[in-house]
Amino acid sequence: MNKKNVTRKELALSVTEKLGVSQRNAAEIVDTVFATLKNTLINGESIKLVQFGALNVRDKTPRRGRNPKTGESMIISKRQMITFRPSKQLREKLNT
């Protein structure tokens, strides 16, 4: 399987093709969407995108781990992470 990443530039080109706006305006639209998503997650709020999925901020508690390089036992500090749960429609399309 050949893995390919979609870049912001490719998203902006897609917006340009679909909406007929200039590439500069399309890039601003994409940047604004990502900035809004980022700020929402930083504030600890969830994002639900219909027919795509949900992004949630999850708190992870501190836990005991091991340094793989030295084998030394250590405590991994508490942190937050983002989880993605795909919508039912997206899961069905991925698994067809």
PDB file of N, CA and C in Angstrom:
ATOM      1  N   MET A   1       0.845  -1.175   0.000  1.00  0.00           N
ATOM      2  CA  MET A   1       0.000   0.000   0.000  1.00  0.00           C
ATOM      3  C   MET A   1       0.893   1.242   0.000  1.00  0.00           C
ATOM      4  N   ASN A   2       0.621   2.160  -0.888  1.00  0.00           N
ATOM      5  CA  ASN A   2       1.390   3.388  -0.990  1.00  0.00           C
ATOM      6  C   ASN A   2       0.732   4.455  -0.114  1.00  0.00           C
ATOM      7  N   LYS A   3       1.420   4.877   0.936  1.00  0.00           N
ATOM      8  CA  LYS A   3       0.851   5.877   1.840  1.00  0.00           C
ATOM      9  C   LYS A   3       1.150   7.269   1.311  1.00  0.00           C
ATOM     10  N   LYS A   4       0.149   8.137   1.358  1.00  0.00           N
ATOM     11  CA  LYS A   4       0.313   9.499   0.902  1.00  0.00           C
ATOM     12  C   LYS A   4      -0.359  10.416   1.908  1.00  0.00           C
ATOM     13  N   ASN A   5       0.308  11.484   2.248  1.00  0.00           N
ATOM     14  CA  ASN A   5      -0.261  12.470   3.154  1.00  0.00           C
ATOM     15  C   ASN A   5      -0.924  13.573   2.346  1.00  0.00           C
ATOM     16  N   VAL A   6      -2.052  14.058   2.841  1.00  0.00           N
ATOM     17  CA  VAL A   6      -2.717  15.196   2.238  1.00  0.00           C
ATOM     18  C   VAL A   6      -2.186  16.444   2.935  1.00  0.00           C
ATOM     19  N   THR A   7      -1.710  17.396   2.160  1.00  0.00           N
ATOM     20  CA  THR A   7      -1.128  18.609   2.727  1.00  0.00           C
ATOM     21  C   THR A   7      -2.144  19.740   2.740  1.00  0.00           C
ATOM     22  N   ARG A   8      -1.813  20.794   3.482  1.00  0.00           N
ATOM     23  CA  ARG A   8      -2.685  21.968   3.512  1.00  0.00           C
ATOM     24  C   ARG A   8      -2.805  22.578   2.121  1.00  0.00           C
ATOM     25  N   LYS A   9      -1.714  22.559   1.370  1.00  0.00           N
ATOM     26  CA  LYS A   9      -1.741  23.111   0.018  1.00  0.00           C
ATOM     27  C   LYS A   9      -2.723  22.334  -0.859  1.00  0.00           C
ATOM     28  N   GLU A  10      -2.720  21.001  -0.733  1.00  0.00           N
ATOM     29  CA  GLU A  10      -3.655  20.181  -1.509  1.00  0.00           C
ATOM     30  C   GLU A  10      -5.101  20.448  -1.086  1.00  0.00           C
ATOM     31  N   LEU A  11      -5.324  20.655   0.198  1.00  0.00           N
ATOM     32  CA  LEU A  11      -6.673  21.006   0.665  1.00  0.00           C
ATOM     33  C   LEU A  11      -7.107  22.342   0.078  1.00  0.00           C
ATOM     34  N   ALA A  12      -6.188  23.313   0.063  1.00  0.00           N
ATOM     35  CA  ALA A  12      -6.507  24.626  -0.497  1.00  0.00           C
ATOM     36  C   ALA A  12      -6.807  24.522  -1.989  1.00  0.00           C
ATOM     37  N   LEU A  13      -6.059  23.698  -2.708  1.00  0.00           N
ATOM     38  CA  LEU A  13      -6.329  23.502  -4.138  1.00  0.00           C
ATOM     39  C   LEU A  13      -7.703  22.876  -4.354  1.00  0.00           C
ATOM     40  N   SER A  14      -8.081  21.963  -3.485  1.00  0.00           N
ATOM     41  CA  SER A  14      -9.397  21.339  -3.579  1.00  0.00           C
ATOM     42  C   SER A  14     -10.503  22.374  -3.344  1.00  0.00           C
ATOM     43  N   VAL A  15     -10.298  23.249  -2.364  1.00  0.00           N
ATOM     44  CA  VAL A  15     -11.272  24.321  -2.093  1.00  0.00           C
ATOM     45  C   VAL A  15     -11.358  25.246  -3.307  1.00  0.00           C
ATOM     46  N   THR A  16     -10.224  25.559  -3.905  1.00  0.00           N
ATOM     47  CA  THR A  16     -10.199  26.414  -5.093  1.00  0.00           C
ATOM     48  C   THR A  16     -11.012  25.793  -6.223  1.00  0.00           C
ATOM     49  N   GLU A  17     -10.813  24.499  -6.442  1.00  0.00           N
ATOM     50  CA  GLU A  17     -11.535  23.819  -7.523  1.00  0.00           C
ATOM     51  C   GLU A  17     -13.028  23.738  -7.259  1.00  0.00           C
ATOM     52  N   LYS A  18     -13.409  23.445  -6.011  1.00  0.00           N
ATOM     53  CA  LYS A  18     -14.831  23.259  -5.683  1.00  0.00           C
ATOM     54  C   LYS A  18     -15.590  24.583  -5.616  1.00  0.00           C
ATOM     55  N   LEU A  19     -14.965  25.620  -5.027  1.00  0.00           N
ATOM     56  CA  LEU A  19     -15.672  26.881  -4.793  1.00  0.00           C
ATOM     57  C   LEU A  19     -15.337  27.978  -5.793  1.00  0.00           C
ATOM     58  N   GLY A  20     -14.271  27.778  -6.542  1.00  0.00           N
ATOM     59  CA  GLY A  20     -13.902  28.782  -7.532  1.00  0.00           C
ATOM     60  C   GLY A  20     -13.311  30.046  -6.930  1.00  0.00           C
ATOM     61  N   VAL A  21     -12.737  29.954  -5.738  1.00  0.00           N
ATOM     62  CA  VAL A  21     -12.086  31.117  -5.124  1.00  0.00           C
ATOM     63  C   VAL A  21     -10.598  31.074  -5.457  1.00  0.00           C
ATOM     64  N   SER A  22      -9.923  32.191  -5.209  1.00  0.00           N
ATOM     65  CA  SER A  22      -8.489  32.237  -5.496  1.00  0.00           C
ATOM     66  C   SER A  22      -7.732  31.304  -4.554  1.00  0.00           C
ATOM     67  N   GLN A  23      -6.520  30.934  -4.956  1.00  0.00           N
ATOM     68  CA  GLN A  23      -5.715  30.044  -4.119  1.00  0.00           C
ATOM     69  C   GLN A  23      -5.377  30.713  -2.793  1.00  0.00           C
ATOM     70  N   ARG A  24      -5.150  32.013  -2.801  1.00  0.00           N
ATOM     71  CA  ARG A  24      -4.839  32.733  -1.564  1.00  0.00           C
ATOM     72  C   ARG A  24      -6.029  32.692  -0.605  1.00  0.00           C
ATOM     73  N   ASN A  25      -7.237  32.931  -1.113  1.00  0.00           N
ATOM     74  CA  ASN A  25      -8.434  32.877  -0.267  1.00  0.00           C
ATOM     75  C   ASN A  25      -8.699  31.455   0.223  1.00  0.00           C
ATOM     76  N   ALA A  26      -8.476  30.474  -0.648  1.00  0.00           N
ATOM     77  CA  ALA A  26      -8.675  29.083  -0.252  1.00  0.00           C
ATOM     78  C   ALA A  26      -7.689  28.701   0.854  1.00  0.00           C
ATOM     79  N   ALA A  27      -6.438  29.161   0.743  1.00  0.00           N
ATOM     80  CA  ALA A  27      -5.441  28.879   1.784  1.00  0.00           C
ATOM     81  C   ALA A  27      -5.853  29.532   3.103  1.00  0.00           C
ATOM     82  N   GLU A  28      -6.409  30.728   3.055  1.00  0.00           N
ATOM     83  CA  GLU A  28      -6.887  31.404   4.271  1.00  0.00           C
ATOM     84  C   GLU A  28      -8.053  30.645   4.891  1.00  0.00           C
ATOM     85  N   ILE A  29      -8.934  30.131   4.056  1.00  0.00           N
ATOM     86  CA  ILE A  29     -10.078  29.350   4.552  1.00  0.00           C
ATOM     87  C   ILE A  29      -9.578  28.106   5.281  1.00  0.00           C
ATOM     88  N   VAL A  30      -8.660  27.379   4.649  1.00  0.00           N
ATOM     89  CA  VAL A  30      -8.117  26.156   5.258  1.00  0.00           C
ATOM     90  C   VAL A  30      -7.398  26.497   6.566  1.00  0.00           C
ATOM     91  N   ASP A  31      -6.579  27.555   6.554  1.00  0.00           N
ATOM     92  CA  ASP A  31      -5.858  27.958   7.769  1.00  0.00           C
ATOM     93  C   ASP A  31      -6.813  28.364   8.883  1.00  0.00           C
ATOM     94  N   THR A  32      -7.897  29.049   8.530  1.00  0.00           N
ATOM     95  CA  THR A  32      -8.887  29.469   9.533  1.00  0.00           C
ATOM     96  C   THR A  32      -9.586  28.256  10.142  1.00  0.00           C
ATOM     97  N   VAL A  33      -9.930  27.285   9.310  1.00  0.00           N
ATOM     98  CA  VAL A  33     -10.578  26.068   9.818  1.00  0.00           C
ATOM     99  C   VAL A  33      -9.652  25.355  10.796  1.00  0.00           C
ATOM    100  N   PHE A  34      -8.385  25.180  10.411  1.00  0.00           N
ATOM    101  CA  PHE A  34      -7.445  24.487  11.292  1.00  0.00           C
ATOM    102  C   PHE A  34      -7.179  25.277  12.571  1.00  0.00           C
ATOM    103  N   ALA A  35      -7.098  26.591  12.481  1.00  0.00           N
ATOM    104  CA  ALA A  35      -6.883  27.412  13.680  1.00  0.00           C
ATOM    105  C   ALA A  35      -8.063  27.290  14.633  1.00  0.00           C
ATOM    106  N   THR A  36      -9.273  27.259  14.087  1.00  0.00           N
ATOM    107  CA  THR A  36     -10.460  27.108  14.916  1.00  0.00           C
ATOM    108  C   THR A  36     -10.485  25.739  15.584  1.00  0.00           C
ATOM    109  N   LEU A  37     -10.155  24.691  14.834  1.00  0.00           N
ATOM    110  CA  LEU A  37     -10.101  23.349  15.406  1.00  0.00           C
ATOM    111  C   LEU A  37      -9.056  23.285  16.526  1.00  0.00           C
ATOM    112  N   LYS A  38      -7.883  23.844  16.272  1.00  0.00           N
ATOM    113  CA  LYS A  38      -6.799  23.819  17.250  1.00  0.00           C
ATOM    114  C   LYS A  38      -7.192  24.564  18.521  1.00  0.00           C
ATOM    115  N   ASN A  39      -7.751  25.756  18.375  1.00  0.00           N
ATOM    116  CA  ASN A  39      -8.142  26.546  19.555  1.00  0.00           C
ATOM    117  C   ASN A  39      -9.250  25.865  20.351  1.00  0.00           C
ATOM    118  N   THR A  40     -10.171  25.224  19.665  1.00  0.00           N
ATOM    119  CA  THR A  40     -11.249  24.502  20.342  1.00  0.00           C
ATOM    120  C   THR A  40     -10.678  23.366  21.180  1.00  0.00           C
ATOM    121  N   LEU A  41      -9.757  22.603  20.613  1.00  0.00           N
ATOM    122  CA  LEU A  41      -9.147  21.492  21.348  1.00  0.00           C
ATOM    123  C   LEU A  41      -8.279  21.988  22.497  1.00  0.00           C
ATOM    124  N   ILE A  42      -7.553  23.081  22.290  1.00  0.00           N
ATOM    125  CA  ILE A  42      -6.719  23.652  23.358  1.00  0.00           C
ATOM    126  C   ILE A  42      -7.578  24.062  24.541  1.00  0.00           C
ATOM    127  N   ASN A  43      -8.800  24.534  24.271  1.00  0.00           N
ATOM    128  CA  ASN A  43      -9.723  24.933  25.333  1.00  0.00           C
ATOM    129  C   ASN A  43     -10.399  23.730  25.993  1.00  0.00           C
ATOM    130  N   GLY A  44     -10.075  22.522  25.565  1.00  0.00           N
ATOM    131  CA  GLY A  44     -10.612  21.312  26.169  1.00  0.00           C
ATOM    132  C   GLY A  44     -11.984  20.918  25.680  1.00  0.00           C
ATOM    133  N   GLU A  45     -12.434  21.516  24.600  1.00  0.00           N
ATOM    134  CA  GLU A  45     -13.762  21.221  24.061  1.00  0.00           C
ATOM    135  C   GLU A  45     -13.670  20.129  22.999  1.00  0.00           C
ATOM    136  N   SER A  46     -14.773  19.443  22.797  1.00  0.00           N
ATOM    137  CA  SER A  46     -14.842  18.397  21.772  1.00  0.00           C
ATOM    138  C   SER A  46     -15.292  18.991  20.450  1.00  0.00           C
ATOM    139  N   ILE A  47     -14.928  18.318  19.371  1.00  0.00           N
ATOM    140  CA  ILE A  47     -15.341  18.730  18.027  1.00  0.00           C
ATOM    141  C   ILE A  47     -16.081  17.561  17.400  1.00  0.00           C
ATOM    142  N   LYS A  48     -17.292  17.825  16.926  1.00  0.00           N
ATOM    143  CA  LYS A  48     -18.077  16.794  16.245  1.00  0.00           C
ATOM    144  C   LYS A  48     -18.345  17.257  14.827  1.00  0.00           C
ATOM    145  N   LEU A  49     -17.857  16.479  13.869  1.00  0.00           N
ATOM    146  CA  LEU A  49     -18.056  16.782  12.458  1.00  0.00           C
ATOM    147  C   LEU A  49     -18.978  15.708  11.885  1.00  0.00           C
ATOM    148  N   VAL A  50     -20.183  16.115  11.502  1.00  0.00           N
ATOM    149  CA  VAL A  50     -21.197  15.184  11.028  1.00  0.00           C
ATOM    150  C   VAL A  50     -20.673  14.420   9.819  1.00  0.00           C
ATOM    151  N   GLN A  51     -20.913  13.135   9.790  1.00  0.00           N
ATOM    152  CA  GLN A  51     -20.514  12.198   8.749  1.00  0.00           C
ATOM    153  C   GLN A  51     -18.996  12.046   8.633  1.00  0.00           C
ATOM    154  N   PHE A  52     -18.243  12.568   9.612  1.00  0.00           N
ATOM    155  CA  PHE A  52     -16.796  12.383   9.619  1.00  0.00           C
ATOM    156  C   PHE A  52     -16.339  11.751  10.922  1.00  0.00           C
ATOM    157  N   GLY A  53     -16.620  12.416  12.057  1.00  0.00           N
ATOM    158  CA  GLY A  53     -16.223  11.851  13.334  1.00  0.00           C
ATOM    159  C   GLY A  53     -16.114  12.908  14.411  1.00  0.00           C
ATOM    160  N   ALA A  54     -15.552  12.510  15.552  1.00  0.00           N
ATOM    161  CA  ALA A  54     -15.428  13.398  16.702  1.00  0.00           C
ATOM    162  C   ALA A  54     -13.991  13.399  17.206  1.00  0.00           C
ATOM    163  N   LEU A  55     -13.523  14.577  17.567  1.00  0.00           N
ATOM    164  CA  LEU A  55     -12.218  14.753  18.189  1.00  0.00           C
ATOM    165  C   LEU A  55     -12.459  15.139  19.638  1.00  0.00           C
ATOM    166  N   ASN A  56     -11.827  14.427  20.552  1.00  0.00           N
ATOM    167  CA  ASN A  56     -12.005  14.688  21.978  1.00  0.00           C
ATOM    168  C   ASN A  56     -10.656  14.837  22.655  1.00  0.00           C
ATOM    169  N   VAL A  57     -10.611  15.701  23.688  1.00  0.00           N
ATOM    170  CA  VAL A  57      -9.417  15.838  24.506  1.00  0.00           C
ATOM    171  C   VAL A  57      -9.586  14.900  25.688  1.00  0.00           C
ATOM    172  N   ARG A  58      -8.582  14.063  25.924  1.00  0.00           N
ATOM    173  CA  ARG A  58      -8.653  13.073  26.994  1.00  0.00           C
ATOM    174  C   ARG A  58      -7.496  13.273  27.958  1.00  0.00           C
ATOM    175  N   ASP A  59      -7.799  13.215  29.253  1.00  0.00           N
ATOM    176  CA  ASP A  59      -6.763  13.314  30.273  1.00  0.00           C
ATOM    177  C   ASP A  59      -6.210  11.929  30.555  1.00  0.00           C
ATOM    178  N   LYS A  60      -4.889  11.815  30.552  1.00  0.00           N
ATOM    179  CA  LYS A  60      -4.239  10.556  30.909  1.00  0.00           C
ATOM    180  C   LYS A  60      -3.586  10.739  32.273  1.00  0.00           C
ATOM    181  N   THR A  61      -3.789   9.786  33.133  1.00  0.00           N
ATOM    182  CA  THR A  61      -3.236   9.859  34.482  1.00  0.00           C
ATOM    183  C   THR A  61      -1.763   9.459  34.464  1.00  0.00           C
ATOM    184  N   PRO A  62      -1.013   9.869  35.491  1.00  0.00           N
ATOM    185  CA  PRO A  62       0.386   9.433  35.556  1.00  0.00           C
ATOM    186  C   PRO A  62       0.455   7.918  35.705  1.00  0.00           C
ATOM    187  N   ARG A  63       1.498   7.325  35.162  1.00  0.00           N
ATOM    188  CA  ARG A  63       1.629   5.876  35.260  1.00  0.00           C
ATOM    189  C   ARG A  63       3.105   5.499  35.289  1.00  0.00           C
ATOM    190  N   ARG A  64       3.356   4.294  35.701  1.00  0.00           N
ATOM    191  CA  ARG A  64       4.726   3.788  35.755  1.00  0.00           C
ATOM    192  C   ARG A  64       5.087   3.232  34.383  1.00  0.00           C
ATOM    193  N   GLY A  65       6.267   3.606  33.917  1.00  0.00           N
ATOM    194  CA  GLY A  65       6.744   3.116  32.634  1.00  0.00           C
ATOM    195  C   GLY A  65       8.206   2.732  32.735  1.00  0.00           C
ATOM    196  N   ARG A  66       8.792   2.432  31.602  1.00  0.00           N
ATOM    197  CA  ARG A  66      10.192   2.006  31.580  1.00  0.00           C
ATOM    198  C   ARG A  66      10.895   2.700  30.414  1.00  0.00           C
ATOM    199  N   ASN A  67      12.080   3.229  30.679  1.00  0.00           N
ATOM    200  CA  ASN A  67      12.890   3.823  29.629  1.00  0.00           C
ATOM    201  C   ASN A  67      13.418   2.688  28.756  1.00  0.00           C
ATOM    202  N   PRO A  68      13.024   2.645  27.480  1.00  0.00           N
ATOM    203  CA  PRO A  68      13.431   1.513  26.640  1.00  0.00           C
ATOM    204  C   PRO A  68      14.938   1.457  26.387  1.00  0.00           C
ATOM    205  N   LYS A  69      15.600   2.596  26.469  1.00  0.00           N
ATOM    206  CA  LYS A  69      17.033   2.640  26.204  1.00  0.00           C
ATOM    207  C   LYS A  69      17.842   2.062  27.366  1.00  0.00           C
ATOM    208  N   THR A  70      17.450   2.476  28.601  1.00  0.00           N
ATOM    209  CA  THR A  70      18.227   2.048  29.777  1.00  0.00           C
ATOM    210  C   THR A  70      17.549   0.951  30.577  1.00  0.00           C
ATOM    211  N   GLY A  71      16.255   0.760  30.361  1.00  0.00           N
ATOM    212  CA  GLY A  71      15.512  -0.224  31.138  1.00  0.00           C
ATOM    213  C   GLY A  71      15.119   0.297  32.508  1.00  0.00           C
ATOM    214  N   GLU A  72      15.441   1.544  32.805  1.00  0.00           N
ATOM    215  CA  GLU A  72      15.157   2.148  34.103  1.00  0.00           C
ATOM    216  C   GLU A  72      13.663   2.428  34.258  1.00  0.00           C
ATOM    217  N   SER A  73      13.113   2.119  35.434  1.00  0.00           N
ATOM    218  CA  SER A  73      11.713   2.382  35.736  1.00  0.00           C
ATOM    219  C   SER A  73      11.535   3.877  35.999  1.00  0.00           C
ATOM    220  N   MET A  74      10.430   4.430  35.508  1.00  0.00           N
ATOM    221  CA  MET A  74      10.177   5.856  35.696  1.00  0.00           C
ATOM    222  C   MET A  74       8.682   6.123  35.712  1.00  0.00           C
ATOM    223  N   ILE A  75       8.312   7.305  36.156  1.00  0.00           N
ATOM    224  CA  ILE A  75       6.910   7.721  36.171  1.00  0.00           C
ATOM    225  C   ILE A  75       6.659   8.593  34.939  1.00  0.00           C
ATOM    226  N   ILE A  76       5.655   8.231  34.166  1.00  0.00           N
ATOM    227  CA  ILE A  76       5.246   9.034  33.017  1.00  0.00           C
ATOM    228  C   ILE A  76       4.203  10.027  33.535  1.00  0.00           C
ATOM    229  N   SER A  77       4.469  11.299  33.356  1.00  0.00           N
ATOM    230  CA  SER A  77       3.611  12.336  33.933  1.00  0.00           C
ATOM    231  C   SER A  77       2.232  12.369  33.274  1.00  0.00           C
ATOM    232  N   LYS A  78       1.286  13.001  33.988  1.00  0.00           N
ATOM    233  CA  LYS A  78      -0.062  13.123  33.428  1.00  0.00           C
ATOM    234  C   LYS A  78       0.003  14.067  32.235  1.00  0.00           C
ATOM    235  N   ARG A  79      -0.889  13.854  31.298  1.00  0.00           N
ATOM    236  CA  ARG A  79      -0.906  14.664  30.093  1.00  0.00           C
ATOM    237  C   ARG A  79      -2.274  14.577  29.443  1.00  0.00           C
ATOM    238  N   GLN A  80      -2.467  15.411  28.440  1.00  0.00           N
ATOM    239  CA  GLN A  80      -3.696  15.366  27.665  1.00  0.00           C
ATOM    240  C   GLN A  80      -3.360  14.884  26.266  1.00  0.00           C
ATOM    241  N   MET A  81      -4.310  14.193  25.670  1.00  0.00           N
ATOM    242  CA  MET A  81      -4.123  13.752  24.295  1.00  0.00           C
ATOM    243  C   MET A  81      -5.448  13.850  23.549  1.00  0.00           C
ATOM    244  N   ILE A  82      -5.355  13.844  22.247  1.00  0.00           N
ATOM    245  CA  ILE A  82      -6.543  13.955  21.406  1.00  0.00           C
ATOM    246  C   ILE A  82      -6.883  12.577  20.873  1.00  0.00           C
ATOM    247  N   THR A  83      -8.155  12.223  20.958  1.00  0.00           N
ATOM    248  CA  THR A  83      -8.622  10.965  20.400  1.00  0.00           C
ATOM    249  C   THR A  83      -9.606  11.263  19.272  1.00  0.00           C
ATOM    250  N   PHE A  84      -9.631  10.396  18.283  1.00  0.00           N
ATOM    251  CA  PHE A  84     -10.550  10.529  17.157  1.00  0.00           C
ATOM    252  C   PHE A  84     -11.441   9.313  17.107  1.00  0.00           C
ATOM    253  N   ARG A  85     -12.730   9.555  17.000  1.00  0.00           N
ATOM    254  CA  ARG A  85     -13.694   8.461  16.844  1.00  0.00           C
ATOM    255  C   ARG A  85     -14.436   8.712  15.536  1.00  0.00           C
ATOM    256  N   PRO A  86     -14.234   7.840  14.555  1.00  0.00           N
ATOM    257  CA  PRO A  86     -14.899   8.045  13.263  1.00  0.00           C
ATOM    258  C   PRO A  86     -16.408   7.835  13.371  1.00  0.00           C
ATOM    259  N   SER A  87     -17.139   8.524  12.505  1.00  0.00           N
ATOM    260  CA  SER A  87     -18.595   8.361  12.482  1.00  0.00           C
ATOM    261  C   SER A  87     -18.948   6.993  11.916  1.00  0.00           C
ATOM    262  N   LYS A  88     -20.183   6.605  12.122  1.00  0.00           N
ATOM    263  CA  LYS A  88     -20.661   5.313  11.615  1.00  0.00           C
ATOM    264  C   LYS A  88     -20.552   5.278  10.091  1.00  0.00           C
ATOM    265  N   GLN A  89     -20.918   6.378   9.425  1.00  0.00           N
ATOM    266  CA  GLN A  89     -20.853   6.421   7.965  1.00  0.00           C
ATOM    267  C   GLN A  89     -19.417   6.250   7.470  1.00  0.00           C
ATOM    268  N   LEU A  90     -18.454   6.906   8.125  1.00  0.00           N
ATOM    269  CA  LEU A  90     -17.060   6.795   7.715  1.00  0.00           C
ATOM    270  C   LEU A  90     -16.539   5.373   7.933  1.00  0.00           C
ATOM    271  N   ARG A  91     -16.876   4.784   9.068  1.00  0.00           N
ATOM    272  CA  ARG A  91     -16.449   3.403   9.333  1.00  0.00           C
ATOM    273  C   ARG A  91     -16.994   2.446   8.290  1.00  0.00           C
ATOM    274  N   GLU A  92     -18.269   2.635   7.934  1.00  0.00           N
ATOM    275  CA  GLU A  92     -18.877   1.755   6.933  1.00  0.00           C
ATOM    276  C   GLU A  92     -18.184   1.898   5.580  1.00  0.00           C
ATOM    277  N   LYS A  93     -17.852   3.135   5.179  1.00  0.00           N
ATOM    278  CA  LYS A  93     -17.188   3.352   3.890  1.00  0.00           C
ATOM    279  C   LYS A  93     -15.766   2.792   3.905  1.00  0.00           C
ATOM    280  N   LEU A  94     -15.088   2.882   5.039  1.00  0.00           N
ATOM    281  CA  LEU A  94     -13.732   2.341   5.132  1.00  0.00           C
ATOM    282  C   LEU A  94     -13.725   0.819   5.057  1.00  0.00           C
ATOM    283  N   ASN A  95     -14.768   0.200   5.546  1.00  0.00           N
ATOM    284  CA  ASN A  95     -14.816  -1.263   5.636  1.00  0.00           C
ATOM    285  C   ASN A  95     -15.620  -1.919   4.528  1.00  0.00           C
ATOM    286  N   THR A  96     -15.872  -1.205   3.430  1.00  0.00           N
ATOM    287  CA  THR A  96     -16.603  -1.830   2.316  1.00  0.00           C
ATOM    288  C   THR A  96     -15.658  -2.307   1.261  1.00  0.00           C
TER     289      THR A  96
END
